[in-house]
Protein backbone atom coordinates (compact mmCIF):
# COMPACT_ATOMS: atom_id res chain seq x y z
CA UNK A 1 11.26 -7.75 1.30
CA UNK A 2 13.30 -10.41 -0.52
CA UNK A 3 14.05 -9.28 -4.03
CA UNK A 4 11.61 -6.65 -3.67
CA UNK A 5 11.77 -2.88 -4.39
CA UNK A 6 10.23 -1.32 -1.30
CA UNK A 7 10.46 2.08 -2.50
CA UNK A 8 8.98 1.60 -6.38
CA UNK A 9 6.17 -0.67 -4.28
CA UNK A 10 5.46 2.14 -1.79
CA UNK A 11 5.71 4.77 -4.83
CA UNK A 12 3.10 2.81 -7.26
CA UNK A 13 0.93 2.43 -4.20
CA UNK A 14 1.11 6.21 -3.22
CA UNK A 15 0.30 7.19 -7.04
CA UNK A 16 -2.69 4.84 -7.12
CA UNK A 17 -4.23 6.35 -4.27
CA UNK A 18 -3.32 9.60 -5.46
CA UNK A 19 -5.31 8.86 -8.31
CA UNK A 20 -8.35 7.27 -6.74
CA UNK A 21 -8.53 10.31 -4.65
CA UNK A 22 -8.22 12.84 -7.50
CA UNK A 23 -10.73 10.92 -9.82
CA UNK A 24 -13.34 10.63 -6.65
CA UNK A 25 -12.75 14.64 -5.91
CA UNK A 26 -11.74 13.80 -2.43
CA UNK A 27 -9.42 16.45 -0.96
CA UNK A 28 -6.03 15.73 0.10
CA UNK A 29 -2.08 17.07 -0.05
CA UNK A 30 1.32 16.09 -1.01
CA UNK A 31 1.95 15.70 2.73
CA UNK A 32 -0.70 13.01 3.24
CA UNK A 33 0.86 10.98 0.40
CA UNK A 34 4.23 11.18 1.86
CA UNK A 35 3.13 10.28 5.41
CA UNK A 36 1.21 7.33 3.79
CA UNK A 37 4.44 6.28 2.15
CA UNK A 38 6.54 6.22 5.47
CA UNK A 39 3.64 3.92 7.08
CA UNK A 40 3.98 1.79 4.02
CA UNK A 41 7.73 1.63 4.57
CA UNK A 42 7.55 0.99 8.02
CA UNK A 43 5.34 -1.66 7.82
CA UNK A 44 7.03 -3.40 4.64
CA UNK A 45 10.30 -3.47 5.78
CA UNK A 46 9.58 -5.79 8.59
CA UNK A 47 10.24 -9.47 7.58
CA UNK A 48 7.50 -11.28 5.88
CA UNK A 49 6.42 -13.78 8.18
CA UNK A 50 6.18 -10.82 11.03
CA UNK A 51 3.73 -8.16 8.79
CA UNK A 52 0.53 -8.03 10.32
CA UNK A 53 -1.22 -6.13 7.72
CA UNK A 54 -1.66 -6.36 3.84
CA UNK A 55 -0.76 -3.21 1.89
CA UNK A 56 -4.43 -2.32 1.24
CA UNK A 57 -5.19 -2.40 5.16
CA UNK A 58 -2.28 -0.13 5.77
CA UNK A 59 -3.60 2.22 3.12
CA UNK A 60 -7.27 1.85 4.15
CA UNK A 61 -6.34 2.59 7.95
CA UNK A 62 -4.57 5.39 6.89
CA UNK A 63 -6.80 7.02 4.78
CA UNK A 64 -9.80 6.83 7.36
CA UNK A 65 -7.43 8.34 9.89
CA UNK A 66 -5.81 10.95 8.09
CA UNK A 67 -9.07 11.88 5.64
CA UNK A 68 -11.70 10.85 8.43
CA UNK A 69 -13.60 9.01 5.75
CA UNK A 70 -15.04 5.48 5.45
CA UNK A 71 -12.96 4.70 2.04
CA UNK A 72 -12.77 0.96 1.93
CA UNK A 73 -10.09 0.71 -1.42
CA UNK A 74 -9.23 -2.95 -2.73
CA UNK A 75 -6.13 -3.10 -5.24
CA UNK A 76 -8.36 -2.82 -8.02
CA UNK A 77 -8.91 0.82 -6.94
CA UNK A 78 -5.15 1.46 -6.98
CA UNK A 79 -4.80 1.01 -10.61
CA UNK A 80 -3.24 -1.98 -12.84
CA UNK A 81 0.35 -0.91 -11.68
CA UNK A 82 -0.40 -1.45 -8.20
CA UNK A 83 -2.72 -4.04 -8.10
CA UNK A 84 0.21 -6.07 -9.99
CA UNK A 85 2.74 -5.18 -7.42
CA UNK A 86 0.22 -6.03 -4.74
CA UNK A 87 0.04 -9.39 -5.97
CA UNK A 88 3.75 -9.87 -6.68
CA UNK A 89 4.05 -8.65 -2.75
CA UNK A 90 1.52 -11.66 -2.03
CA UNK A 91 3.68 -14.33 -3.99
CA UNK A 92 6.75 -13.39 -2.16
CA UNK A 93 4.92 -13.46 0.93
CA UNK A 94 3.76 -16.79 0.49
CA UNK A 95 7.12 -18.23 -0.90
CA UNK A 96 8.83 -16.84 2.55
CA UNK A 97 5.92 -18.60 4.50
CA UNK A 98 6.69 -22.06 2.24
CA UNK A 99 10.24 -21.49 2.63
CA UNK A 100 10.10 -21.36 6.53
């Protein structure tokens, strides 16, 4: 990601997911969050123009598979810091399309 810290971004998203799951009394463990971070990093390391999913889509697909739930989180569900990070990611992705 251009001028974007993937590690910080994925940590922020993981914290947001963790907080959401705790607030909603959904059982999970640290291993699940580590696997989620790996999934996020794998997709977000790809060039912007080739990324096929948004961070929220990655999270929802992962949680549906791992927790066997029908959760459908929005960026707002992940907290203000994660929401701002997702918005910044979206701006950078849009800029990469415009500069193509």
